[in-house]
Amino acid sequence: MPAARFEHPLGRLPYAGRVTTPPFAAPTTAELAVVSAQLGRPARGVVGIAARCVCGNPTVVATTPRLPDGTPFPTFYYLTHPAATAAMSTLEATQVMPELAALLADDADVAAAYLSAHEAYLADRAQFGDVSEIDGISAGGMPTRVKCLHALAGHALAAGPGVNPIGDRALERSSWSPDRCRCEAPGAAVREVEDSSA
């Protein structure tokens, strides 16, 4: 039997399988605590949760293009879930990136969709400010290269299937799935809201 999707009691937060591009609800203290635990450091510049595990925990965060310390940060959709990041690292280690780069060179439709994904990424990030140092730079090598599967998978998870063709392919080949919880503390990001609504 497939895992049941977590439904938030307020019904306003994005969950696995839903497109979650801006605008975002402000992240809660519990969500930021989970992200910080996932990263092993304090979360920085998080403006929203862009994708979630079926248990409700963050999988991808949306990050301001300029971090609080002033550092330009082009990776708007940042993959945080440890199992997801490990799966993308494993794919990168298997030399799948040259294969995906060849796909861009050989398939005009995939290349056009990848360019559109790049433009959508930039448009989403621009809603949170323009940063001249990263003007025209999205993430993951878009629009012409395959550089980081973590960034591309993060975008694919946030934007939904069919938006980022390389991110979609990375997720398809991955050992990780957003539909199966592999969190250390399932549902920890939403307990605070559930407790306050009881």
Protein backbone atom coordinates (compact mmCIF):
# COMPACT_ATOMS: atom_id res chain seq x y z
CA MET A 1 0.00 0.00 0.00
CA PRO A 2 1.46 3.44 -0.92
CA ALA A 3 2.39 5.82 1.89
CA ALA A 4 -0.39 8.22 2.81
CA ARG A 5 0.31 11.88 2.15
CA PHE A 6 0.46 14.05 5.20
CA GLU A 7 -2.34 16.63 5.25
CA HIS A 8 -1.65 19.66 7.37
CA PRO A 9 -4.56 20.59 9.65
CA LEU A 10 -4.51 24.15 8.32
CA GLY A 11 -4.34 22.95 4.71
CA ARG A 12 -2.08 25.82 3.68
CA LEU A 13 1.38 24.30 3.50
CA PRO A 14 2.89 22.54 0.46
CA TYR A 15 3.48 18.80 0.55
CA ALA A 16 5.06 16.15 -1.62
CA GLY A 17 3.67 16.13 -5.12
CA ARG A 18 2.36 19.70 -5.12
CA VAL A 19 3.94 22.52 -7.10
CA THR A 20 5.31 25.01 -4.59
CA THR A 21 6.77 28.01 -6.34
CA PRO A 22 6.43 31.52 -4.81
CA PRO A 23 4.76 32.96 -2.88
CA PHE A 24 5.60 30.89 0.18
CA ALA A 25 4.32 31.00 3.74
CA ALA A 26 7.03 32.21 6.11
CA PRO A 27 8.90 29.27 7.60
CA THR A 28 7.99 28.34 11.16
CA THR A 29 10.44 27.89 14.01
CA ALA A 30 9.89 24.12 13.84
CA GLU A 31 10.57 24.04 10.09
CA LEU A 32 13.78 26.03 10.51
CA ALA A 33 14.86 23.70 13.32
CA VAL A 34 14.37 20.67 11.06
CA VAL A 35 16.27 22.33 8.20
CA SER A 36 19.11 23.27 10.55
CA ALA A 37 19.29 19.67 11.78
CA GLN A 38 19.25 18.39 8.19
CA LEU A 39 22.12 20.71 7.23
CA GLY A 40 24.09 20.31 10.44
CA ARG A 41 24.31 24.11 10.74
CA PRO A 42 21.90 27.01 11.24
CA ALA A 43 19.59 27.60 8.27
CA ARG A 44 20.34 30.89 6.53
CA GLY A 45 18.09 33.12 4.45
CA VAL A 46 15.17 30.69 4.21
CA VAL A 47 12.08 32.42 2.79
CA GLY A 48 9.88 29.34 2.51
CA ILE A 49 9.56 25.60 2.24
CA ALA A 50 9.48 24.72 -1.44
CA ALA A 51 9.00 20.93 -1.20
CA ARG A 52 8.25 18.46 1.55
CA CYS A 53 8.53 14.83 2.47
CA VAL A 54 5.21 12.99 2.81
CA CYS A 55 5.58 13.39 6.60
CA GLY A 56 5.57 17.18 6.24
CA ASN A 57 9.27 17.82 6.88
CA PRO A 58 11.13 20.12 4.48
CA THR A 59 12.92 18.58 1.53
CA VAL A 60 13.72 21.79 -0.37
CA VAL A 61 13.92 25.33 0.96
CA ALA A 62 13.66 28.57 -0.96
CA THR A 63 16.53 30.85 -0.04
CA THR A 64 16.92 34.60 -0.48
CA PRO A 65 19.37 35.52 -3.27
CA ARG A 66 21.43 37.53 -0.79
CA LEU A 67 22.11 35.83 2.53
CA PRO A 68 21.81 37.84 5.77
CA ASP A 69 25.62 38.27 5.87
CA GLY A 70 25.53 39.90 2.41
CA THR A 71 26.80 36.90 0.43
CA PRO A 72 25.15 36.45 -2.99
CA PHE A 73 23.45 33.04 -3.11
CA PRO A 74 22.21 31.85 -6.53
CA THR A 75 20.74 28.52 -5.32
CA PHE A 76 17.16 29.62 -4.67
CA TYR A 77 15.83 26.03 -4.41
CA TYR A 78 18.17 24.30 -1.96
CA LEU A 79 17.87 20.55 -1.41
CA THR A 80 18.13 19.92 2.35
CA HIS A 81 16.86 16.39 3.00
CA PRO A 82 19.87 14.22 3.92
CA ALA A 83 18.62 11.10 2.09
CA ALA A 84 17.87 13.13 -1.04
CA THR A 85 21.24 14.86 -1.02
CA ALA A 86 23.00 11.52 -0.49
CA ALA A 87 21.10 10.02 -3.42
CA MET A 88 22.11 12.91 -5.69
CA SER A 89 25.74 12.57 -4.57
CA THR A 90 25.60 8.87 -5.43
CA LEU A 91 24.23 9.66 -8.89
CA GLU A 92 26.97 12.23 -9.46
CA ALA A 93 29.57 9.64 -8.44
CA THR A 94 28.23 7.17 -11.02
CA GLN A 95 29.18 9.54 -13.82
CA VAL A 96 25.58 10.15 -14.90
CA MET A 97 26.27 13.86 -15.45
CA PRO A 98 28.15 13.45 -18.77
CA GLU A 99 25.24 11.33 -20.00
CA LEU A 100 22.76 14.04 -19.05
CA ALA A 101 24.96 16.72 -20.62
CA ALA A 102 25.03 14.70 -23.85
CA LEU A 103 21.25 14.57 -23.75
CA LEU A 104 21.20 18.38 -23.72
CA ALA A 105 23.50 18.47 -26.73
CA ASP A 106 21.62 15.80 -28.69
CA ASP A 107 17.95 16.57 -27.97
CA ALA A 108 16.69 20.03 -28.96
CA ASP A 109 13.43 19.55 -27.04
CA VAL A 110 15.25 18.73 -23.80
CA ALA A 111 17.60 21.68 -24.34
CA ALA A 112 14.63 24.03 -24.91
CA ALA A 113 12.86 22.74 -21.80
CA TYR A 114 16.07 23.18 -19.79
CA LEU A 115 16.35 26.78 -20.98
CA SER A 116 12.73 27.35 -19.94
CA ALA A 117 13.52 25.81 -16.53
CA HIS A 118 16.43 28.24 -16.17
CA GLU A 119 14.16 31.19 -16.99
CA ALA A 120 11.47 29.99 -14.55
CA TYR A 121 14.10 29.58 -11.82
CA LEU A 122 15.35 33.13 -12.35
CA ALA A 123 11.79 34.50 -12.32
CA ASP A 124 10.98 32.70 -9.04
CA ARG A 125 14.18 33.99 -7.39
CA ALA A 126 13.69 37.56 -8.68
CA GLN A 127 10.56 37.85 -6.54
CA PHE A 128 12.93 37.99 -3.54
CA GLY A 129 15.32 40.60 -4.90
CA ASP A 130 17.80 41.21 -7.67
CA VAL A 131 21.46 40.64 -6.88
CA SER A 132 23.77 41.99 -9.58
CA GLU A 133 26.58 39.54 -8.78
CA ILE A 134 24.39 36.58 -9.77
CA ASP A 135 22.33 38.22 -12.51
CA GLY A 136 21.44 35.60 -15.13
CA ILE A 137 22.93 32.75 -13.06
CA SER A 138 20.45 30.14 -11.90
CA ALA A 139 21.80 26.87 -10.50
CA GLY A 140 23.02 23.42 -11.39
CA GLY A 141 24.62 24.54 -14.66
CA MET A 142 21.41 25.73 -16.30
CA PRO A 143 20.79 26.60 -19.08
CA THR A 144 23.61 24.85 -20.98
CA ARG A 145 25.46 22.52 -18.60
CA VAL A 146 24.77 19.84 -16.00
CA LYS A 147 26.84 20.86 -12.99
CA CYS A 148 24.96 19.96 -9.79
CA LEU A 149 22.20 17.35 -9.54
CA HIS A 150 21.35 18.53 -6.02
CA ALA A 151 20.28 21.94 -7.35
CA LEU A 152 18.47 20.48 -10.34
CA ALA A 153 16.57 17.94 -8.24
CA GLY A 154 15.65 20.69 -5.76
CA HIS A 155 14.18 22.75 -8.59
CA ALA A 156 12.33 19.75 -10.01
CA LEU A 157 10.82 18.95 -6.60
CA ALA A 158 9.67 22.54 -6.05
CA ALA A 159 8.40 23.27 -9.55
CA GLY A 160 6.84 19.86 -10.19
CA PRO A 161 7.30 17.28 -12.93
CA GLY A 162 7.83 18.52 -16.46
CA VAL A 163 9.51 21.82 -15.59
CA ASN A 164 13.17 20.81 -15.22
CA PRO A 165 13.90 17.84 -17.51
CA ILE A 166 17.35 17.10 -16.09
CA GLY A 167 16.14 17.39 -12.49
CA ASP A 168 13.25 15.08 -13.35
CA ARG A 169 15.64 12.51 -14.82
CA ALA A 170 17.90 12.69 -11.77
CA LEU A 171 14.92 12.06 -9.48
CA GLU A 172 13.73 9.16 -11.67
CA ARG A 173 17.16 7.50 -11.41
CA SER A 174 17.55 8.23 -7.73
CA SER A 175 17.29 5.70 -4.92
CA TRP A 176 15.35 8.35 -2.94
CA SER A 177 11.70 9.30 -3.36
CA PRO A 178 9.67 12.17 -1.87
CA ASP A 179 6.79 9.72 -1.53
CA ARG A 180 8.59 7.56 1.05
CA CYS A 181 9.62 9.07 4.38
CA ARG A 182 13.24 8.54 5.38
CA CYS A 183 13.37 11.35 7.95
CA GLU A 184 15.12 10.96 11.29
CA ALA A 185 12.21 12.69 13.04
CA PRO A 186 9.13 12.23 10.83
CA GLY A 187 6.69 15.12 11.01
CA ALA A 188 8.84 17.23 13.35
CA ALA A 189 8.38 20.35 11.22
CA VAL A 190 4.60 20.30 11.53
CA ARG A 191 4.14 19.21 15.15
CA GLU A 192 4.32 22.80 16.42
CA VAL A 193 1.38 23.84 14.22
CA GLU A 194 -0.60 20.69 15.00
CA ASP A 195 -0.11 21.23 18.73
CA SER A 196 -1.23 24.86 18.53
CA SER A 197 -4.38 23.96 16.53
CA ALA A 198 -5.52 21.28 18.99
